[in-house]
Amino acid sequence: FGLSEKEHGADIYATDMILSPQEDGSFRA
């Protein structure tokens, strides 16, 4: 379960995990 982060703990409002859309409709995380 990949929820918590080193800087934010379980503060899920402040997630730094970014999903970037690609031209082919996929994403890069």
mmCIF file of all heavy atoms, coordinates in Angstrom:
data_MODEL
# 
_entry.id   MODEL 
# 
loop_
_atom_site.group_PDB 
_atom_site.id 
_atom_site.type_symbol 
_atom_site.label_atom_id 
_atom_site.label_alt_id 
_atom_site.label_comp_id 
_atom_site.label_asym_id 
_atom_site.label_entity_id 
_atom_site.label_seq_id 
_atom_site.pdbx_PDB_ins_code 
_atom_site.Cartn_x 
_atom_site.Cartn_y 
_atom_site.Cartn_z 
_atom_site.occupancy 
_atom_site.B_iso_or_equiv 
_atom_site.pdbx_formal_charge 
_atom_site.auth_seq_id 
_atom_site.auth_comp_id 
_atom_site.auth_asym_id 
_atom_site.auth_atom_id 
_atom_site.pdbx_PDB_model_num 
ATOM 1   N N   . PHE A 1 1  ? 0.858  -1.189 0.000   1.00 0.00 ? 1  PHE A N   1 
ATOM 2   C CA  . PHE A 1 1  ? 0.000  0.000  0.000   1.00 0.00 ? 1  PHE A CA  1 
ATOM 3   C C   . PHE A 1 1  ? 0.891  1.235  0.000   1.00 0.00 ? 1  PHE A C   1 
ATOM 4   O O   . PHE A 1 1  ? 1.463  1.598  1.025   1.00 0.00 ? 1  PHE A O   1 
ATOM 5   C CB  . PHE A 1 1  ? -0.877 -0.047 1.258   1.00 0.00 ? 1  PHE A CB  1 
ATOM 6   C CG  . PHE A 1 1  ? -1.930 1.016  1.360   1.00 0.00 ? 1  PHE A CG  1 
ATOM 7   C CD1 . PHE A 1 1  ? -2.826 1.247  0.336   1.00 0.00 ? 1  PHE A CD1 1 
ATOM 8   C CD2 . PHE A 1 1  ? -2.057 1.769  2.528   1.00 0.00 ? 1  PHE A CD2 1 
ATOM 9   C CE1 . PHE A 1 1  ? -3.824 2.208  0.458   1.00 0.00 ? 1  PHE A CE1 1 
ATOM 10  C CE2 . PHE A 1 1  ? -3.042 2.721  2.670   1.00 0.00 ? 1  PHE A CE2 1 
ATOM 11  C CZ  . PHE A 1 1  ? -3.932 2.939  1.633   1.00 0.00 ? 1  PHE A CZ  1 
ATOM 12  N N   . GLY A 1 2  ? 1.040  1.864  -1.151  1.00 0.00 ? 2  GLY A N   1 
ATOM 13  C CA  . GLY A 1 2  ? 1.953  2.999  -1.297  1.00 0.00 ? 2  GLY A CA  1 
ATOM 14  C C   . GLY A 1 2  ? 1.277  4.325  -1.027  1.00 0.00 ? 2  GLY A C   1 
ATOM 15  O O   . GLY A 1 2  ? 0.956  5.072  -1.960  1.00 0.00 ? 2  GLY A O   1 
ATOM 16  N N   . LEU A 1 3  ? 1.103  4.637  0.246   1.00 0.00 ? 3  LEU A N   1 
ATOM 17  C CA  . LEU A 1 3  ? 0.423  5.871  0.619   1.00 0.00 ? 3  LEU A CA  1 
ATOM 18  C C   . LEU A 1 3  ? 1.374  6.890  1.237   1.00 0.00 ? 3  LEU A C   1 
ATOM 19  O O   . LEU A 1 3  ? 1.492  8.017  0.754   1.00 0.00 ? 3  LEU A O   1 
ATOM 20  C CB  . LEU A 1 3  ? -0.711 5.562  1.605   1.00 0.00 ? 3  LEU A CB  1 
ATOM 21  C CG  . LEU A 1 3  ? -1.604 6.747  2.000   1.00 0.00 ? 3  LEU A CG  1 
ATOM 22  C CD1 . LEU A 1 3  ? -2.400 7.234  0.805   1.00 0.00 ? 3  LEU A CD1 1 
ATOM 23  C CD2 . LEU A 1 3  ? -2.546 6.365  3.143   1.00 0.00 ? 3  LEU A CD2 1 
ATOM 24  N N   . SER A 1 4  ? 2.074  6.522  2.310   1.00 0.00 ? 4  SER A N   1 
ATOM 25  C CA  . SER A 1 4  ? 2.848  7.507  3.064   1.00 0.00 ? 4  SER A CA  1 
ATOM 26  C C   . SER A 1 4  ? 4.141  7.876  2.350   1.00 0.00 ? 4  SER A C   1 
ATOM 27  O O   . SER A 1 4  ? 4.673  7.117  1.538   1.00 0.00 ? 4  SER A O   1 
ATOM 28  C CB  . SER A 1 4  ? 3.147  6.985  4.472   1.00 0.00 ? 4  SER A CB  1 
ATOM 29  O OG  . SER A 1 4  ? 3.963  5.840  4.417   1.00 0.00 ? 4  SER A OG  1 
ATOM 30  N N   . GLU A 1 5  ? 4.645  9.070  2.685   1.00 0.00 ? 5  GLU A N   1 
ATOM 31  C CA  . GLU A 1 5  ? 5.860  9.593  2.073   1.00 0.00 ? 5  GLU A CA  1 
ATOM 32  C C   . GLU A 1 5  ? 6.806  10.099 3.148   1.00 0.00 ? 5  GLU A C   1 
ATOM 33  O O   . GLU A 1 5  ? 6.386  10.433 4.264   1.00 0.00 ? 5  GLU A O   1 
ATOM 34  C CB  . GLU A 1 5  ? 5.515  10.708 1.083   1.00 0.00 ? 5  GLU A CB  1 
ATOM 35  C CG  . GLU A 1 5  ? 4.642  10.209 -0.061  1.00 0.00 ? 5  GLU A CG  1 
ATOM 36  C CD  . GLU A 1 5  ? 4.250  11.300 -1.052  1.00 0.00 ? 5  GLU A CD  1 
ATOM 37  O OE1 . GLU A 1 5  ? 4.783  12.431 -0.954  1.00 0.00 ? 5  GLU A OE1 1 
ATOM 38  O OE2 . GLU A 1 5  ? 3.399  11.014 -1.924  1.00 0.00 ? 5  GLU A OE2 1 
ATOM 39  N N   . LYS A 1 6  ? 8.087  10.170 2.804   1.00 0.00 ? 6  LYS A N   1 
ATOM 40  C CA  . LYS A 1 6  ? 9.122  10.500 3.787   1.00 0.00 ? 6  LYS A CA  1 
ATOM 41  C C   . LYS A 1 6  ? 8.902  11.879 4.388   1.00 0.00 ? 6  LYS A C   1 
ATOM 42  O O   . LYS A 1 6  ? 9.031  12.065 5.598   1.00 0.00 ? 6  LYS A O   1 
ATOM 43  C CB  . LYS A 1 6  ? 10.497 10.410 3.133   1.00 0.00 ? 6  LYS A CB  1 
ATOM 44  C CG  . LYS A 1 6  ? 11.653 10.543 4.109   1.00 0.00 ? 6  LYS A CG  1 
ATOM 45  C CD  . LYS A 1 6  ? 12.976 10.244 3.431   1.00 0.00 ? 6  LYS A CD  1 
ATOM 46  C CE  . LYS A 1 6  ? 14.127 10.260 4.438   1.00 0.00 ? 6  LYS A CE  1 
ATOM 47  N NZ  . LYS A 1 6  ? 15.413 9.913  3.790   1.00 0.00 ? 6  LYS A NZ  1 
ATOM 48  N N   . GLU A 1 7  ? 8.579  12.852 3.568   1.00 0.00 ? 7  GLU A N   1 
ATOM 49  C CA  . GLU A 1 7  ? 8.444  14.224 4.054   1.00 0.00 ? 7  GLU A CA  1 
ATOM 50  C C   . GLU A 1 7  ? 7.067  14.508 4.632   1.00 0.00 ? 7  GLU A C   1 
ATOM 51  O O   . GLU A 1 7  ? 6.919  15.373 5.482   1.00 0.00 ? 7  GLU A O   1 
ATOM 52  C CB  . GLU A 1 7  ? 8.743  15.219 2.917   1.00 0.00 ? 7  GLU A CB  1 
ATOM 53  C CG  . GLU A 1 7  ? 10.140 15.078 2.336   1.00 0.00 ? 7  GLU A CG  1 
ATOM 54  C CD  . GLU A 1 7  ? 11.225 15.265 3.390   1.00 0.00 ? 7  GLU A CD  1 
ATOM 55  O OE1 . GLU A 1 7  ? 11.040 16.096 4.313   1.00 0.00 ? 7  GLU A OE1 1 
ATOM 56  O OE2 . GLU A 1 7  ? 12.260 14.565 3.313   1.00 0.00 ? 7  GLU A OE2 1 
ATOM 57  N N   . HIS A 1 8  ? 6.065  13.805 4.152   1.00 0.00 ? 8  HIS A N   1 
ATOM 58  C CA  . HIS A 1 8  ? 4.691  14.131 4.533   1.00 0.00 ? 8  HIS A CA  1 
ATOM 59  C C   . HIS A 1 8  ? 4.037  13.087 5.425   1.00 0.00 ? 8  HIS A C   1 
ATOM 60  O O   . HIS A 1 8  ? 2.925  13.321 5.914   1.00 0.00 ? 8  HIS A O   1 
ATOM 61  C CB  . HIS A 1 8  ? 3.826  14.311 3.276   1.00 0.00 ? 8  HIS A CB  1 
ATOM 62  C CG  . HIS A 1 8  ? 4.400  15.277 2.286   1.00 0.00 ? 8  HIS A CG  1 
ATOM 63  N ND1 . HIS A 1 8  ? 4.590  16.608 2.578   1.00 0.00 ? 8  HIS A ND1 1 
ATOM 64  C CD2 . HIS A 1 8  ? 4.830  15.096 1.013   1.00 0.00 ? 8  HIS A CD2 1 
ATOM 65  C CE1 . HIS A 1 8  ? 5.113  17.210 1.520   1.00 0.00 ? 8  HIS A CE1 1 
ATOM 66  N NE2 . HIS A 1 8  ? 5.270  16.318 0.559   1.00 0.00 ? 8  HIS A NE2 1 
ATOM 67  N N   . GLY A 1 9  ? 4.695  11.950 5.623   1.00 0.00 ? 9  GLY A N   1 
ATOM 68  C CA  . GLY A 1 9  ? 4.075  10.896 6.419   1.00 0.00 ? 9  GLY A CA  1 
ATOM 69  C C   . GLY A 1 9  ? 2.774  10.450 5.771   1.00 0.00 ? 9  GLY A C   1 
ATOM 70  O O   . GLY A 1 9  ? 2.705  10.209 4.573   1.00 0.00 ? 9  GLY A O   1 
ATOM 71  N N   . ALA A 1 10 ? 1.724  10.370 6.581   1.00 0.00 ? 10 ALA A N   1 
ATOM 72  C CA  . ALA A 1 10 ? 0.415  9.962  6.067   1.00 0.00 ? 10 ALA A CA  1 
ATOM 73  C C   . ALA A 1 10 ? -0.448 11.164 5.700   1.00 0.00 ? 10 ALA A C   1 
ATOM 74  O O   . ALA A 1 10 ? -1.660 11.025 5.523   1.00 0.00 ? 10 ALA A O   1 
ATOM 75  C CB  . ALA A 1 10 ? -0.299 9.104  7.111   1.00 0.00 ? 10 ALA A CB  1 
ATOM 76  N N   . ASP A 1 11 ? 0.165  12.338 5.557   1.00 0.00 ? 11 ASP A N   1 
ATOM 77  C CA  . ASP A 1 11 ? -0.568 13.537 5.127   1.00 0.00 ? 11 ASP A CA  1 
ATOM 78  C C   . ASP A 1 11 ? -0.808 13.427 3.626   1.00 0.00 ? 11 ASP A C   1 
ATOM 79  O O   . ASP A 1 11 ? -0.032 13.925 2.806   1.00 0.00 ? 11 ASP A O   1 
ATOM 80  C CB  . ASP A 1 11 ? 0.239  14.794 5.456   1.00 0.00 ? 11 ASP A CB  1 
ATOM 81  C CG  . ASP A 1 11 ? -0.438 16.070 4.965   1.00 0.00 ? 11 ASP A CG  1 
ATOM 82  O OD1 . ASP A 1 11 ? -1.608 15.987 4.503   1.00 0.00 ? 11 ASP A OD1 1 
ATOM 83  O OD2 . ASP A 1 11 ? 0.197  17.130 5.014   1.00 0.00 ? 11 ASP A OD2 1 
ATOM 84  N N   . ILE A 1 12 ? -1.883 12.769 3.257   1.00 0.00 ? 12 ILE A N   1 
ATOM 85  C CA  . ILE A 1 12 ? -2.111 12.476 1.847   1.00 0.00 ? 12 ILE A CA  1 
ATOM 86  C C   . ILE A 1 12 ? -2.573 13.705 1.065   1.00 0.00 ? 12 ILE A C   1 
ATOM 87  O O   . ILE A 1 12 ? -2.642 13.654 -0.164  1.00 0.00 ? 12 ILE A O   1 
ATOM 88  C CB  . ILE A 1 12 ? -3.106 11.305 1.672   1.00 0.00 ? 12 ILE A CB  1 
ATOM 89  C CG1 . ILE A 1 12 ? -4.440 11.606 2.351   1.00 0.00 ? 12 ILE A CG1 1 
ATOM 90  C CG2 . ILE A 1 12 ? -2.506 10.024 2.227   1.00 0.00 ? 12 ILE A CG2 1 
ATOM 91  C CD1 . ILE A 1 12 ? -5.457 10.486 2.174   1.00 0.00 ? 12 ILE A CD1 1 
ATOM 92  N N   . TYR A 1 13 ? -2.870 14.809 1.756   1.00 0.00 ? 13 TYR A N   1 
ATOM 93  C CA  . TYR A 1 13 ? -3.155 16.053 1.038   1.00 0.00 ? 13 TYR A CA  1 
ATOM 94  C C   . TYR A 1 13 ? -1.922 16.515 0.247   1.00 0.00 ? 13 TYR A C   1 
ATOM 95  O O   . TYR A 1 13 ? -2.039 17.179 -0.769  1.00 0.00 ? 13 TYR A O   1 
ATOM 96  C CB  . TYR A 1 13 ? -3.527 17.169 2.024   1.00 0.00 ? 13 TYR A CB  1 
ATOM 97  C CG  . TYR A 1 13 ? -4.859 16.997 2.710   1.00 0.00 ? 13 TYR A CG  1 
ATOM 98  C CD1 . TYR A 1 13 ? -4.931 16.453 3.992   1.00 0.00 ? 13 TYR A CD1 1 
ATOM 99  C CD2 . TYR A 1 13 ? -6.045 17.394 2.099   1.00 0.00 ? 13 TYR A CD2 1 
ATOM 100 C CE1 . TYR A 1 13 ? -6.151 16.305 4.642   1.00 0.00 ? 13 TYR A CE1 1 
ATOM 101 C CE2 . TYR A 1 13 ? -7.269 17.253 2.730   1.00 0.00 ? 13 TYR A CE2 1 
ATOM 102 C CZ  . TYR A 1 13 ? -7.315 16.705 4.006   1.00 0.00 ? 13 TYR A CZ  1 
ATOM 103 O OH  . TYR A 1 13 ? -8.525 16.566 4.643   1.00 0.00 ? 13 TYR A OH  1 
ATOM 104 N N   . ALA A 1 14 ? -0.738 16.174 0.748   1.00 0.00 ? 14 ALA A N   1 
ATOM 105 C CA  . ALA A 1 14 ? 0.496  16.792 0.252   1.00 0.00 ? 14 ALA A CA  1 
ATOM 106 C C   . ALA A 1 14 ? 1.369  15.812 -0.525  1.00 0.00 ? 14 ALA A C   1 
ATOM 107 O O   . ALA A 1 14 ? 2.588  15.913 -0.506  1.00 0.00 ? 14 ALA A O   1 
ATOM 108 C CB  . ALA A 1 14 ? 1.284  17.374 1.425   1.00 0.00 ? 14 ALA A CB  1 
ATOM 109 N N   . THR A 1 15 ? 0.775  14.870 -1.217  1.00 0.00 ? 15 THR A N   1 
ATOM 110 C CA  . THR A 1 15 ? 1.572  13.870 -1.919  1.00 0.00 ? 15 THR A CA  1 
ATOM 111 C C   . THR A 1 15 ? 2.461  14.484 -3.004  1.00 0.00 ? 15 THR A C   1 
ATOM 112 O O   . THR A 1 15 ? 2.049  15.397 -3.724  1.00 0.00 ? 15 THR A O   1 
ATOM 113 C CB  . THR A 1 15 ? 0.666  12.794 -2.549  1.00 0.00 ? 15 THR A CB  1 
ATOM 114 O OG1 . THR A 1 15 ? 1.483  11.855 -3.247  1.00 0.00 ? 15 THR A OG1 1 
ATOM 115 C CG2 . THR A 1 15 ? -0.351 13.404 -3.509  1.00 0.00 ? 15 THR A CG2 1 
ATOM 116 N N   . ASP A 1 16 ? 3.671  13.969 -3.103  1.00 0.00 ? 16 ASP A N   1 
ATOM 117 C CA  . ASP A 1 16 ? 4.616  14.400 -4.136  1.00 0.00 ? 16 ASP A CA  1 
ATOM 118 C C   . ASP A 1 16 ? 4.803  13.337 -5.220  1.00 0.00 ? 16 ASP A C   1 
ATOM 119 O O   . ASP A 1 16 ? 5.722  13.445 -6.039  1.00 0.00 ? 16 ASP A O   1 
ATOM 120 C CB  . ASP A 1 16 ? 5.989  14.714 -3.506  1.00 0.00 ? 16 ASP A CB  1 
ATOM 121 C CG  . ASP A 1 16 ? 5.967  16.002 -2.697  1.00 0.00 ? 16 ASP A CG  1 
ATOM 122 O OD1 . ASP A 1 16 ? 5.173  16.897 -3.037  1.00 0.00 ? 16 ASP A OD1 1 
ATOM 123 O OD2 . ASP A 1 16 ? 6.738  16.084 -1.712  1.00 0.00 ? 16 ASP A OD2 1 
ATOM 124 N N   . MET A 1 17 ? 3.962  12.316 -5.211  1.00 0.00 ? 17 MET A N   1 
ATOM 125 C CA  . MET A 1 17 ? 4.002  11.308 -6.278  1.00 0.00 ? 17 MET A CA  1 
ATOM 126 C C   . MET A 1 17 ? 3.202  11.858 -7.468  1.00 0.00 ? 17 MET A C   1 
ATOM 127 O O   . MET A 1 17 ? 1.993  12.095 -7.352  1.00 0.00 ? 17 MET A O   1 
ATOM 128 C CB  . MET A 1 17 ? 3.409  9.995  -5.788  1.00 0.00 ? 17 MET A CB  1 
ATOM 129 C CG  . MET A 1 17 ? 3.311  8.903  -6.831  1.00 0.00 ? 17 MET A CG  1 
ATOM 130 S SD  . MET A 1 17 ? 4.911  8.336  -7.441  1.00 0.00 ? 17 MET A SD  1 
ATOM 131 C CE  . MET A 1 17 ? 5.527  7.416  -6.025  1.00 0.00 ? 17 MET A CE  1 
ATOM 132 N N   . ILE A 1 18 ? 3.891  12.074 -8.589  1.00 0.00 ? 18 ILE A N   1 
ATOM 133 C CA  . ILE A 1 18 ? 3.288  12.771 -9.721  1.00 0.00 ? 18 ILE A CA  1 
ATOM 134 C C   . ILE A 1 18 ? 3.112  11.820 -10.908 1.00 0.00 ? 18 ILE A C   1 
ATOM 135 O O   . ILE A 1 18 ? 4.027  11.090 -11.289 1.00 0.00 ? 18 ILE A O   1 
ATOM 136 C CB  . ILE A 1 18 ? 4.158  13.971 -10.161 1.00 0.00 ? 18 ILE A CB  1 
ATOM 137 C CG1 . ILE A 1 18 ? 4.375  14.930 -8.977  1.00 0.00 ? 18 ILE A CG1 1 
ATOM 138 C CG2 . ILE A 1 18 ? 3.511  14.690 -11.335 1.00 0.00 ? 18 ILE A CG2 1 
ATOM 139 C CD1 . ILE A 1 18 ? 3.105  15.503 -8.392  1.00 0.00 ? 18 ILE A CD1 1 
ATOM 140 N N   . LEU A 1 19 ? 1.921  11.854 -11.468 1.00 0.00 ? 19 LEU A N   1 
ATOM 141 C CA  . LEU A 1 19 ? 1.608  11.080 -12.658 1.00 0.00 ? 19 LEU A CA  1 
ATOM 142 C C   . LEU A 1 19 ? 1.474  12.054 -13.837 1.00 0.00 ? 19 LEU A C   1 
ATOM 143 O O   . LEU A 1 19 ? 0.566  12.901 -13.858 1.00 0.00 ? 19 LEU A O   1 
ATOM 144 C CB  . LEU A 1 19 ? 0.305  10.312 -12.443 1.00 0.00 ? 19 LEU A CB  1 
ATOM 145 C CG  . LEU A 1 19 ? 0.119  8.982  -13.170 1.00 0.00 ? 19 LEU A CG  1 
ATOM 146 C CD1 . LEU A 1 19 ? 1.206  8.007  -12.757 1.00 0.00 ? 19 LEU A CD1 1 
ATOM 147 C CD2 . LEU A 1 19 ? -1.252 8.387  -12.871 1.00 0.00 ? 19 LEU A CD2 1 
ATOM 148 N N   . SER A 1 20 ? 2.384  11.931 -14.790 1.00 0.00 ? 20 SER A N   1 
ATOM 149 C CA  . SER A 1 20 ? 2.424  12.872 -15.924 1.00 0.00 ? 20 SER A CA  1 
ATOM 150 C C   . SER A 1 20 ? 1.856  12.216 -17.174 1.00 0.00 ? 20 SER A C   1 
ATOM 151 O O   . SER A 1 20 ? 2.323  11.137 -17.581 1.00 0.00 ? 20 SER A O   1 
ATOM 152 C CB  . SER A 1 20 ? 3.864  13.315 -16.196 1.00 0.00 ? 20 SER A CB  1 
ATOM 153 O OG  . SER A 1 20 ? 4.442  13.883 -15.041 1.00 0.00 ? 20 SER A OG  1 
ATOM 154 N N   . PRO A 1 21 ? 0.849  12.830 -17.830 1.00 0.00 ? 21 PRO A N   1 
ATOM 155 C CA  . PRO A 1 21 ? 0.272  12.242 -19.050 1.00 0.00 ? 21 PRO A CA  1 
ATOM 156 C C   . PRO A 1 21 ? 1.249  12.305 -20.226 1.00 0.00 ? 21 PRO A C   1 
ATOM 157 O O   . PRO A 1 21 ? 2.021  13.251 -20.351 1.00 0.00 ? 21 PRO A O   1 
ATOM 158 C CB  . PRO A 1 21 ? -0.960 13.101 -19.307 1.00 0.00 ? 21 PRO A CB  1 
ATOM 159 C CG  . PRO A 1 21 ? -0.706 14.387 -18.597 1.00 0.00 ? 21 PRO A CG  1 
ATOM 160 C CD  . PRO A 1 21 ? 0.165  14.064 -17.431 1.00 0.00 ? 21 PRO A CD  1 
ATOM 161 N N   . GLN A 1 22 ? 1.194  11.287 -21.071 1.00 0.00 ? 22 GLN A N   1 
ATOM 162 C CA  . GLN A 1 22 ? 2.028  11.204 -22.264 1.00 0.00 ? 22 GLN A CA  1 
ATOM 163 C C   . GLN A 1 22 ? 1.149  11.324 -23.515 1.00 0.00 ? 22 GLN A C   1 
ATOM 164 O O   . GLN A 1 22 ? -0.077 11.182 -23.456 1.00 0.00 ? 22 GLN A O   1 
ATOM 165 C CB  . GLN A 1 22 ? 2.791  9.873  -22.274 1.00 0.00 ? 22 GLN A CB  1 
ATOM 166 C CG  . GLN A 1 22 ? 3.604  9.593  -21.020 1.00 0.00 ? 22 GLN A CG  1 
ATOM 167 C CD  . GLN A 1 22 ? 4.715  10.598 -20.794 1.00 0.00 ? 22 GLN A CD  1 
ATOM 168 O OE1 . GLN A 1 22 ? 5.607  10.738 -21.634 1.00 0.00 ? 22 GLN A OE1 1 
ATOM 169 N NE2 . GLN A 1 22 ? 4.660  11.312 -19.670 1.00 0.00 ? 22 GLN A NE2 1 
ATOM 170 N N   . GLU A 1 23 ? 1.785  11.573 -24.635 1.00 0.00 ? 23 GLU A N   1 
ATOM 171 C CA  . GLU A 1 23 ? 1.044  11.793 -25.871 1.00 0.00 ? 23 GLU A CA  1 
ATOM 172 C C   . GLU A 1 23 ? 0.237  10.571 -26.294 1.00 0.00 ? 23 GLU A C   1 
ATOM 173 O O   . GLU A 1 23 ? -0.810 10.695 -26.924 1.00 0.00 ? 23 GLU A O   1 
ATOM 174 C CB  . GLU A 1 23 ? 2.004  12.182 -26.997 1.00 0.00 ? 23 GLU A CB  1 
ATOM 175 C CG  . GLU A 1 23 ? 2.609  13.567 -26.819 1.00 0.00 ? 23 GLU A CG  1 
ATOM 176 C CD  . GLU A 1 23 ? 3.494  13.953 -27.997 1.00 0.00 ? 23 GLU A CD  1 
ATOM 177 O OE1 . GLU A 1 23 ? 3.610  13.124 -28.945 1.00 0.00 ? 23 GLU A OE1 1 
ATOM 178 O OE2 . GLU A 1 23 ? 4.049  15.065 -27.979 1.00 0.00 ? 23 GLU A OE2 1 
ATOM 179 N N   . ASP A 1 24 ? 0.709  9.384  -25.961 1.00 0.00 ? 24 ASP A N   1 
ATOM 180 C CA  . ASP A 1 24 ? 0.005  8.160  -26.380 1.00 0.00 ? 24 ASP A CA  1 
ATOM 181 C C   . ASP A 1 24 ? -1.126 7.755  -25.448 1.00 0.00 ? 24 ASP A C   1 
ATOM 182 O O   . ASP A 1 24 ? -1.719 6.682  -25.601 1.00 0.00 ? 24 ASP A O   1 
ATOM 183 C CB  . ASP A 1 24 ? 0.996  7.005  -26.536 1.00 0.00 ? 24 ASP A CB  1 
ATOM 184 C CG  . ASP A 1 24 ? 1.673  6.634  -25.217 1.00 0.00 ? 24 ASP A CG  1 
ATOM 185 O OD1 . ASP A 1 24 ? 1.403  7.304  -24.192 1.00 0.00 ? 24 ASP A OD1 1 
ATOM 186 O OD2 . ASP A 1 24 ? 2.462  5.663  -25.190 1.00 0.00 ? 24 ASP A OD2 1 
ATOM 187 N N   . GLY A 1 25 ? -1.409 8.605  -24.456 1.00 0.00 ? 25 GLY A N   1 
ATOM 188 C CA  . GLY A 1 25 ? -2.497 8.316  -23.514 1.00 0.00 ? 25 GLY A CA  1 
ATOM 189 C C   . GLY A 1 25 ? -2.055 7.606  -22.256 1.00 0.00 ? 25 GLY A C   1 
ATOM 190 O O   . GLY A 1 25 ? -2.867 7.416  -21.335 1.00 0.00 ? 25 GLY A O   1 
ATOM 191 N N   . SER A 1 26 ? -0.797 7.213  -22.190 1.00 0.00 ? 26 SER A N   1 
ATOM 192 C CA  . SER A 1 26 ? -0.268 6.592  -20.970 1.00 0.00 ? 26 SER A CA  1 
ATOM 193 C C   . SER A 1 26 ? 0.268  7.678  -20.042 1.00 0.00 ? 26 SER A C   1 
ATOM 194 O O   . SER A 1 26 ? 0.104  8.878  -20.291 1.00 0.00 ? 26 SER A O   1 
ATOM 195 C CB  . SER A 1 26 ? 0.835  5.597  -21.331 1.00 0.00 ? 26 SER A CB  1 
ATOM 196 O OG  . SER A 1 26 ? 1.960  6.279  -21.861 1.00 0.00 ? 26 SER A OG  1 
ATOM 197 N N   . PHE A 1 27 ? 0.912  7.248  -18.970 1.00 0.00 ? 27 PHE A N   1 
ATOM 198 C CA  . PHE A 1 27 ? 1.448  8.179  -17.978 1.00 0.00 ? 27 PHE A CA  1 
ATOM 199 C C   . PHE A 1 27 ? 2.856  7.754  -17.583 1.00 0.00 ? 27 PHE A C   1 
ATOM 200 O O   . PHE A 1 27 ? 3.256  6.604  -17.804 1.00 0.00 ? 27 PHE A O   1 
ATOM 201 C CB  . PHE A 1 27 ? 0.568  8.203  -16.726 1.00 0.00 ? 27 PHE A CB  1 
ATOM 202 C CG  . PHE A 1 27 ? -0.865 8.589  -16.980 1.00 0.00 ? 27 PHE A CG  1 
ATOM 203 C CD1 . PHE A 1 27 ? -1.797 7.625  -17.355 1.00 0.00 ? 27 PHE A CD1 1 
ATOM 204 C CD2 . PHE A 1 27 ? -1.276 9.902  -16.850 1.00 0.00 ? 27 PHE A CD2 1 
ATOM 205 C CE1 . PHE A 1 27 ? -3.119 7.971  -17.583 1.00 0.00 ? 27 PHE A CE1 1 
ATOM 206 C CE2 . PHE A 1 27 ? -2.601 10.254 -17.071 1.00 0.00 ? 27 PHE A CE2 1 
ATOM 207 C CZ  . PHE A 1 27 ? -3.516 9.286  -17.455 1.00 0.00 ? 27 PHE A CZ  1 
ATOM 208 N N   . ARG A 1 28 ? 3.589  8.684  -16.985 1.00 0.00 ? 28 ARG A N   1 
ATOM 209 C CA  . ARG A 1 28 ? 4.866  8.376  -16.351 1.00 0.00 ? 28 ARG A CA  1 
ATOM 210 C C   . ARG A 1 28 ? 4.772  8.799  -14.896 1.00 0.00 ? 28 ARG A C   1 
ATOM 211 O O   . ARG A 1 28 ? 4.374  9.942  -14.602 1.00 0.00 ? 28 ARG A O   1 
ATOM 212 C CB  . ARG A 1 28 ? 6.015  9.107  -17.047 1.00 0.00 ? 28 ARG A CB  1 
ATOM 213 C CG  . ARG A 1 28 ? 6.272  8.639  -18.467 1.00 0.00 ? 28 ARG A CG  1 
ATOM 214 C CD  . ARG A 1 28 ? 7.029  7.332  -18.496 1.00 0.00 ? 28 ARG A CD  1 
ATOM 215 N NE  . ARG A 1 28 ? 7.118  6.772  -19.860 1.00 0.00 ? 28 ARG A NE  1 
ATOM 216 C CZ  . ARG A 1 28 ? 7.858  5.737  -20.188 1.00 0.00 ? 28 ARG A CZ  1 
ATOM 217 N NH1 . ARG A 1 28 ? 8.594  5.147  -19.264 1.00 0.00 ? 28 ARG A NH1 1 
ATOM 218 N NH2 . ARG A 1 28 ? 7.876  5.269  -21.417 1.00 0.00 ? 28 ARG A NH2 1 
ATOM 219 N N   . ALA A 1 29 ? 5.137  7.887  -13.993 1.00 0.00 ? 29 ALA A N   1 
ATOM 220 C CA  . ALA A 1 29 ? 5.064  8.180  -12.559 1.00 0.00 ? 29 ALA A CA  1 
ATOM 221 C C   . ALA A 1 29 ? 6.456  8.484  -12.027 1.00 0.00 ? 29 ALA A C   1 
ATOM 222 O O   . ALA A 1 29 ? 7.414  7.755  -12.315 1.00 0.00 ? 29 ALA A O   1 
ATOM 223 C CB  . ALA A 1 29 ? 4.472  6.994  -11.809 1.00 0.00 ? 29 ALA A CB  1 
# 
